[in-house]
N, C-alpha and C. Protein backbone atom coordinates (compact mmCIF):
# COMPACT_ATOMS: atom_id res chain seq x y z
N MET A 1 0.85 -1.18 0.00
CA MET A 1 0.00 0.00 0.00
C MET A 1 0.89 1.24 0.00
N ILE A 2 0.67 2.12 -0.94
CA ILE A 2 1.41 3.37 -1.03
C ILE A 2 0.74 4.40 -0.13
N ILE A 3 1.53 5.02 0.75
CA ILE A 3 0.96 6.01 1.67
C ILE A 3 1.36 7.44 1.31
N PHE A 4 2.35 7.59 0.42
CA PHE A 4 2.76 8.92 -0.04
C PHE A 4 3.45 8.76 -1.39
N GLU A 5 3.25 9.77 -2.24
CA GLU A 5 3.88 9.76 -3.55
C GLU A 5 4.08 11.19 -4.03
N ASN A 6 5.23 11.42 -4.65
CA ASN A 6 5.47 12.68 -5.34
C ASN A 6 6.13 12.37 -6.68
N VAL A 7 6.68 13.36 -7.32
CA VAL A 7 7.22 13.17 -8.66
C VAL A 7 8.46 12.26 -8.66
N ASP A 8 9.21 12.20 -7.55
CA ASP A 8 10.47 11.45 -7.50
C ASP A 8 10.42 10.16 -6.68
N PHE A 9 9.53 10.08 -5.71
CA PHE A 9 9.53 8.97 -4.75
C PHE A 9 8.12 8.50 -4.45
N TYR A 10 8.07 7.30 -3.89
CA TYR A 10 6.84 6.87 -3.23
C TYR A 10 7.24 6.12 -1.96
N VAL A 11 6.34 6.17 -0.98
CA VAL A 11 6.56 5.52 0.31
C VAL A 11 5.47 4.47 0.46
N GLU A 12 5.92 3.26 0.78
CA GLU A 12 5.02 2.12 0.81
C GLU A 12 5.09 1.42 2.16
N ARG A 13 3.98 0.89 2.59
CA ARG A 13 3.90 0.09 3.81
C ARG A 13 4.39 -1.32 3.48
N HIS A 14 5.18 -1.88 4.38
CA HIS A 14 5.60 -3.27 4.28
C HIS A 14 4.81 -4.08 5.29
N GLU A 15 4.18 -5.14 4.86
CA GLU A 15 3.38 -5.99 5.75
C GLU A 15 4.29 -6.64 6.79
N SER A 16 4.04 -6.34 8.07
CA SER A 16 4.88 -6.83 9.14
C SER A 16 4.20 -6.59 10.48
N GLU A 17 4.69 -7.27 11.50
CA GLU A 17 4.18 -7.02 12.85
C GLU A 17 4.67 -5.69 13.40
N ILE A 18 5.78 -5.18 12.87
CA ILE A 18 6.34 -3.91 13.32
C ILE A 18 6.00 -2.81 12.31
N PRO A 19 6.00 -1.56 12.72
CA PRO A 19 5.86 -0.46 11.77
C PRO A 19 7.06 -0.48 10.82
N TRP A 20 6.77 -0.53 9.51
CA TRP A 20 7.83 -0.71 8.52
C TRP A 20 7.40 -0.02 7.23
N LEU A 21 8.15 1.00 6.86
CA LEU A 21 7.90 1.70 5.60
C LEU A 21 9.11 1.56 4.70
N LYS A 22 8.87 1.69 3.40
CA LYS A 22 9.95 1.64 2.41
C LYS A 22 9.84 2.87 1.52
N ILE A 23 10.98 3.49 1.29
CA ILE A 23 11.08 4.65 0.40
C ILE A 23 11.67 4.17 -0.92
N PHE A 24 10.96 4.39 -2.02
CA PHE A 24 11.41 3.99 -3.34
C PHE A 24 11.63 5.21 -4.23
N THR A 25 12.65 5.16 -5.05
CA THR A 25 12.78 6.16 -6.12
C THR A 25 11.88 5.71 -7.26
N LYS A 26 11.30 6.66 -7.97
CA LYS A 26 10.49 6.30 -9.13
C LYS A 26 11.37 5.86 -10.30
N GLU A 27 12.48 6.54 -10.46
CA GLU A 27 13.45 6.11 -11.48
C GLU A 27 14.21 4.90 -10.91
N PRO A 28 14.45 3.90 -11.71
CA PRO A 28 15.09 2.68 -11.18
C PRO A 28 16.62 2.79 -11.08
N TYR A 29 17.09 3.68 -10.20
CA TYR A 29 18.53 3.79 -9.99
C TYR A 29 19.05 2.50 -9.36
N HIS A 30 20.21 2.08 -9.78
CA HIS A 30 20.77 0.83 -9.27
C HIS A 30 21.40 1.03 -7.88
N GLU A 31 22.09 2.13 -7.69
CA GLU A 31 22.74 2.44 -6.42
C GLU A 31 22.43 3.87 -6.01
N ILE A 32 22.52 4.15 -4.73
CA ILE A 32 22.29 5.51 -4.25
C ILE A 32 23.27 6.48 -4.93
N GLY A 33 24.50 6.04 -5.14
CA GLY A 33 25.51 6.88 -5.80
C GLY A 33 25.18 7.20 -7.25
N ASP A 34 24.25 6.46 -7.85
CA ASP A 34 23.82 6.74 -9.24
C ASP A 34 22.81 7.88 -9.29
N MET A 35 22.25 8.23 -8.15
CA MET A 35 21.23 9.28 -8.10
C MET A 35 21.88 10.65 -8.17
N PRO A 36 21.23 11.62 -8.81
CA PRO A 36 21.74 13.00 -8.75
C PRO A 36 21.78 13.47 -7.29
N ALA A 37 22.75 14.32 -6.98
CA ALA A 37 22.96 14.77 -5.60
C ALA A 37 21.71 15.39 -4.99
N ASP A 38 20.98 16.20 -5.75
CA ASP A 38 19.78 16.83 -5.20
C ASP A 38 18.70 15.81 -4.86
N LEU A 39 18.64 14.73 -5.63
CA LEU A 39 17.66 13.68 -5.36
C LEU A 39 18.06 12.87 -4.12
N ARG A 40 19.36 12.65 -3.95
CA ARG A 40 19.83 11.97 -2.73
C ARG A 40 19.45 12.80 -1.50
N LYS A 41 19.64 14.11 -1.59
CA LYS A 41 19.29 14.99 -0.48
C LYS A 41 17.79 14.89 -0.17
N LYS A 42 16.96 14.88 -1.19
CA LYS A 42 15.51 14.76 -0.99
C LYS A 42 15.14 13.41 -0.35
N MET A 43 15.85 12.36 -0.77
CA MET A 43 15.58 11.04 -0.20
C MET A 43 15.88 11.02 1.30
N TRP A 44 17.01 11.63 1.70
CA TRP A 44 17.35 11.64 3.12
C TRP A 44 16.41 12.54 3.90
N GLU A 45 15.87 13.58 3.28
CA GLU A 45 14.86 14.40 3.94
C GLU A 45 13.59 13.59 4.18
N LEU A 46 13.20 12.77 3.20
CA LEU A 46 12.06 11.87 3.39
C LEU A 46 12.33 10.92 4.56
N TYR A 47 13.52 10.34 4.53
CA TYR A 47 13.90 9.41 5.61
C TYR A 47 13.82 10.10 6.98
N ASP A 48 14.40 11.29 7.09
CA ASP A 48 14.40 12.01 8.37
C ASP A 48 12.98 12.24 8.88
N THR A 49 12.09 12.62 7.97
CA THR A 49 10.70 12.88 8.36
C THR A 49 10.02 11.61 8.82
N ILE A 50 10.21 10.52 8.08
CA ILE A 50 9.59 9.25 8.45
C ILE A 50 10.13 8.77 9.79
N GLU A 51 11.44 8.84 9.97
CA GLU A 51 12.03 8.42 11.25
C GLU A 51 11.46 9.25 12.40
N TYR A 52 11.38 10.55 12.23
CA TYR A 52 10.85 11.42 13.27
C TYR A 52 9.41 11.01 13.64
N GLU A 53 8.57 10.86 12.62
CA GLU A 53 7.17 10.50 12.87
C GLU A 53 7.06 9.12 13.53
N MET A 54 7.88 8.18 13.09
CA MET A 54 7.86 6.83 13.63
C MET A 54 8.28 6.84 15.11
N ARG A 55 9.32 7.59 15.41
CA ARG A 55 9.81 7.67 16.79
C ARG A 55 8.78 8.32 17.71
N HIS A 56 8.16 9.38 17.25
CA HIS A 56 7.24 10.11 18.10
C HIS A 56 5.86 9.47 18.19
N PHE A 57 5.49 8.68 17.21
CA PHE A 57 4.18 8.02 17.26
C PHE A 57 4.25 6.70 18.02
N TYR A 58 5.29 5.91 17.77
CA TYR A 58 5.38 4.57 18.35
C TYR A 58 6.32 4.45 19.56
N ASN A 59 7.23 5.39 19.74
CA ASN A 59 8.20 5.32 20.83
C ASN A 59 8.94 3.97 20.86
N PRO A 60 9.57 3.60 19.74
CA PRO A 60 10.26 2.31 19.70
C PRO A 60 11.57 2.33 20.47
N LYS A 61 12.09 1.16 20.72
CA LYS A 61 13.41 1.02 21.35
C LYS A 61 14.49 1.51 20.38
N LYS A 62 14.30 1.25 19.07
CA LYS A 62 15.31 1.56 18.06
C LYS A 62 14.63 1.68 16.71
N ILE A 63 15.22 2.50 15.84
CA ILE A 63 14.82 2.55 14.43
C ILE A 63 15.90 1.84 13.64
N ASN A 64 15.49 0.90 12.81
CA ASN A 64 16.43 0.24 11.90
C ASN A 64 16.23 0.79 10.51
N MET A 65 17.33 0.96 9.80
CA MET A 65 17.31 1.42 8.42
C MET A 65 18.16 0.46 7.62
N ALA A 66 17.67 0.07 6.44
CA ALA A 66 18.42 -0.87 5.61
C ALA A 66 18.21 -0.54 4.14
N SER A 67 19.22 -0.87 3.36
CA SER A 67 19.12 -0.72 1.91
C SER A 67 19.97 -1.81 1.26
N PHE A 68 19.40 -3.00 1.16
CA PHE A 68 20.15 -4.12 0.59
C PHE A 68 20.04 -4.14 -0.93
N ALA A 69 18.84 -4.12 -1.44
CA ALA A 69 18.58 -4.09 -2.88
C ALA A 69 19.27 -5.21 -3.64
N ASN A 70 19.35 -6.38 -3.05
CA ASN A 70 19.91 -7.53 -3.75
C ASN A 70 18.86 -8.25 -4.57
N ILE A 71 17.70 -8.46 -3.99
CA ILE A 71 16.62 -9.15 -4.69
C ILE A 71 15.88 -8.18 -5.61
N LEU A 72 15.62 -6.99 -5.13
CA LEU A 72 15.01 -5.93 -5.94
C LEU A 72 16.11 -4.91 -6.22
N PRO A 73 16.83 -5.05 -7.34
CA PRO A 73 18.04 -4.25 -7.58
C PRO A 73 17.77 -2.81 -8.01
N ARG A 74 17.14 -2.07 -7.12
CA ARG A 74 16.91 -0.64 -7.34
C ARG A 74 16.91 0.04 -5.98
N VAL A 75 17.16 1.32 -6.00
CA VAL A 75 17.27 2.05 -4.75
C VAL A 75 15.94 2.03 -4.00
N HIS A 76 16.01 1.57 -2.77
CA HIS A 76 14.91 1.69 -1.82
C HIS A 76 15.47 1.53 -0.41
N ILE A 77 14.83 2.20 0.53
CA ILE A 77 15.29 2.20 1.91
C ILE A 77 14.17 1.71 2.81
N HIS A 78 14.50 0.77 3.69
CA HIS A 78 13.57 0.25 4.68
C HIS A 78 13.73 1.07 5.96
N VAL A 79 12.61 1.46 6.56
CA VAL A 79 12.61 2.17 7.83
C VAL A 79 11.71 1.38 8.77
N MET A 80 12.29 0.85 9.86
CA MET A 80 11.56 -0.08 10.72
C MET A 80 11.66 0.35 12.18
N ALA A 81 10.53 0.35 12.86
CA ALA A 81 10.51 0.61 14.30
C ALA A 81 10.68 -0.73 15.01
N ARG A 82 11.64 -0.77 15.95
CA ARG A 82 11.92 -2.02 16.65
C ARG A 82 11.58 -1.88 18.13
N PHE A 83 11.11 -3.00 18.68
CA PHE A 83 10.66 -3.05 20.07
C PHE A 83 11.27 -4.27 20.74
N GLU A 84 11.57 -4.16 22.02
CA GLU A 84 12.18 -5.27 22.74
C GLU A 84 11.33 -6.52 22.72
N ASP A 85 10.02 -6.38 22.55
CA ASP A 85 9.17 -7.57 22.53
C ASP A 85 8.63 -7.90 21.14
N ASP A 86 9.28 -7.38 20.07
CA ASP A 86 8.90 -7.87 18.74
C ASP A 86 9.52 -9.25 18.54
N SER A 87 9.07 -9.98 17.56
CA SER A 87 9.45 -11.38 17.37
C SER A 87 10.94 -11.61 17.13
N TYR A 88 11.64 -10.59 16.64
CA TYR A 88 13.02 -10.79 16.22
C TYR A 88 14.05 -10.04 17.06
N TYR A 89 13.60 -9.07 17.84
CA TYR A 89 14.53 -8.21 18.59
C TYR A 89 15.39 -9.03 19.53
N PRO A 90 16.68 -8.82 19.59
CA PRO A 90 17.48 -7.78 18.97
C PRO A 90 18.03 -8.15 17.58
N ASN A 91 17.64 -9.30 17.06
CA ASN A 91 18.11 -9.72 15.74
C ASN A 91 17.50 -8.85 14.64
N PRO A 92 18.12 -8.86 13.46
CA PRO A 92 17.50 -8.20 12.31
C PRO A 92 16.17 -8.89 11.98
N VAL A 93 15.25 -8.14 11.41
CA VAL A 93 13.95 -8.72 11.06
C VAL A 93 14.08 -9.80 10.00
N TRP A 94 15.18 -9.84 9.31
CA TRP A 94 15.43 -10.89 8.33
C TRP A 94 16.16 -12.07 8.96
N GLY A 95 16.43 -11.99 10.26
CA GLY A 95 17.21 -13.01 10.96
C GLY A 95 16.32 -14.07 11.59
N GLU A 96 16.88 -14.66 12.64
CA GLU A 96 16.18 -15.74 13.34
C GLU A 96 15.17 -15.17 14.33
N LYS A 97 13.99 -15.73 14.29
CA LYS A 97 12.94 -15.33 15.21
C LYS A 97 13.32 -15.76 16.63
N VAL A 98 13.16 -14.86 17.58
CA VAL A 98 13.55 -15.12 18.97
C VAL A 98 12.36 -15.56 19.81
N ARG A 99 11.17 -15.05 19.50
CA ARG A 99 9.98 -15.29 20.31
C ARG A 99 8.76 -14.98 19.45
N GLU A 100 7.60 -15.27 19.98
CA GLU A 100 6.36 -14.80 19.38
C GLU A 100 6.10 -13.42 19.94
N GLY A 101 6.14 -12.43 19.06
CA GLY A 101 5.92 -11.06 19.51
C GLY A 101 4.49 -10.84 19.96
N ASN A 102 4.34 -9.90 20.87
CA ASN A 102 3.01 -9.56 21.37
C ASN A 102 2.91 -8.05 21.46
N LEU A 103 3.06 -7.39 20.34
CA LEU A 103 3.04 -5.93 20.33
C LEU A 103 1.62 -5.40 20.40
N GLN A 104 1.43 -4.41 21.21
CA GLN A 104 0.15 -3.71 21.32
C GLN A 104 0.41 -2.28 20.85
N LEU A 105 0.28 -2.05 19.56
CA LEU A 105 0.63 -0.76 18.97
C LEU A 105 -0.62 0.02 18.59
N PRO A 106 -0.51 1.35 18.55
CA PRO A 106 -1.65 2.16 18.09
C PRO A 106 -1.98 1.83 16.63
N LYS A 107 -3.17 2.18 16.23
CA LYS A 107 -3.62 1.93 14.85
C LYS A 107 -2.70 2.60 13.85
N GLU A 108 -2.29 1.85 12.85
CA GLU A 108 -1.34 2.37 11.88
C GLU A 108 -1.94 3.43 10.96
N ASP A 109 -3.25 3.45 10.79
CA ASP A 109 -3.86 4.45 9.93
C ASP A 109 -3.53 5.87 10.38
N GLU A 110 -3.53 6.08 11.69
CA GLU A 110 -3.19 7.41 12.21
C GLU A 110 -1.72 7.74 11.93
N PHE A 111 -0.86 6.76 12.06
CA PHE A 111 0.56 6.95 11.73
C PHE A 111 0.71 7.31 10.25
N PHE A 112 0.03 6.60 9.39
CA PHE A 112 0.10 6.89 7.94
C PHE A 112 -0.36 8.31 7.64
N LYS A 113 -1.40 8.76 8.30
CA LYS A 113 -1.88 10.14 8.12
C LYS A 113 -0.81 11.14 8.54
N ARG A 114 -0.19 10.87 9.69
CA ARG A 114 0.87 11.76 10.17
C ARG A 114 2.03 11.83 9.18
N VAL A 115 2.45 10.68 8.67
CA VAL A 115 3.55 10.65 7.71
C VAL A 115 3.15 11.39 6.44
N PHE A 116 1.96 11.10 5.93
CA PHE A 116 1.48 11.76 4.72
C PHE A 116 1.46 13.28 4.91
N ASN A 117 0.90 13.74 6.01
CA ASN A 117 0.81 15.18 6.27
C ASN A 117 2.20 15.81 6.40
N ALA A 118 3.08 15.16 7.13
CA ALA A 118 4.43 15.71 7.32
C ALA A 118 5.19 15.77 6.00
N LEU A 119 5.08 14.74 5.17
CA LEU A 119 5.77 14.75 3.88
C LEU A 119 5.13 15.73 2.91
N SER A 120 3.83 15.88 3.00
CA SER A 120 3.14 16.85 2.13
C SER A 120 3.56 18.27 2.43
N VAL A 121 3.74 18.58 3.71
CA VAL A 121 4.18 19.92 4.11
C VAL A 121 5.57 20.19 3.52
N LYS A 122 6.43 19.18 3.49
CA LYS A 122 7.79 19.35 2.94
C LYS A 122 7.75 19.65 1.44
N GLU A 123 6.69 19.26 0.78
CA GLU A 123 6.54 19.46 -0.66
C GLU A 123 6.29 20.93 -1.01
N ARG A 124 5.75 21.67 -0.08
CA ARG A 124 5.36 23.05 -0.37
C ARG A 124 6.54 23.97 -0.42
């Protein structure tokens, strides 16, 4: 599900027990270094805004950020809120499951609205 889109990027929800968004470039750049400098700056501004909203809405133990792009060979960044009682913590979410998580998180729709509004303001 896409929760924000502009001329250069879109932000998508990743299905998971934890809050997890992905930032994609619309142009299929292979590496971040292939992107024009101004576009890289815009991407990090998107990241900063998403991280801020995620931290203030969910109050996670940690924010994880990743950009592997091995299976999907184009620039995209994962932004994940981590909690001590999520299924994988402290391991990476792609790692070995440690427990059955029992997260009681606020409704994500409100978080998506906050992210959309914050990113829309940056567009002006």
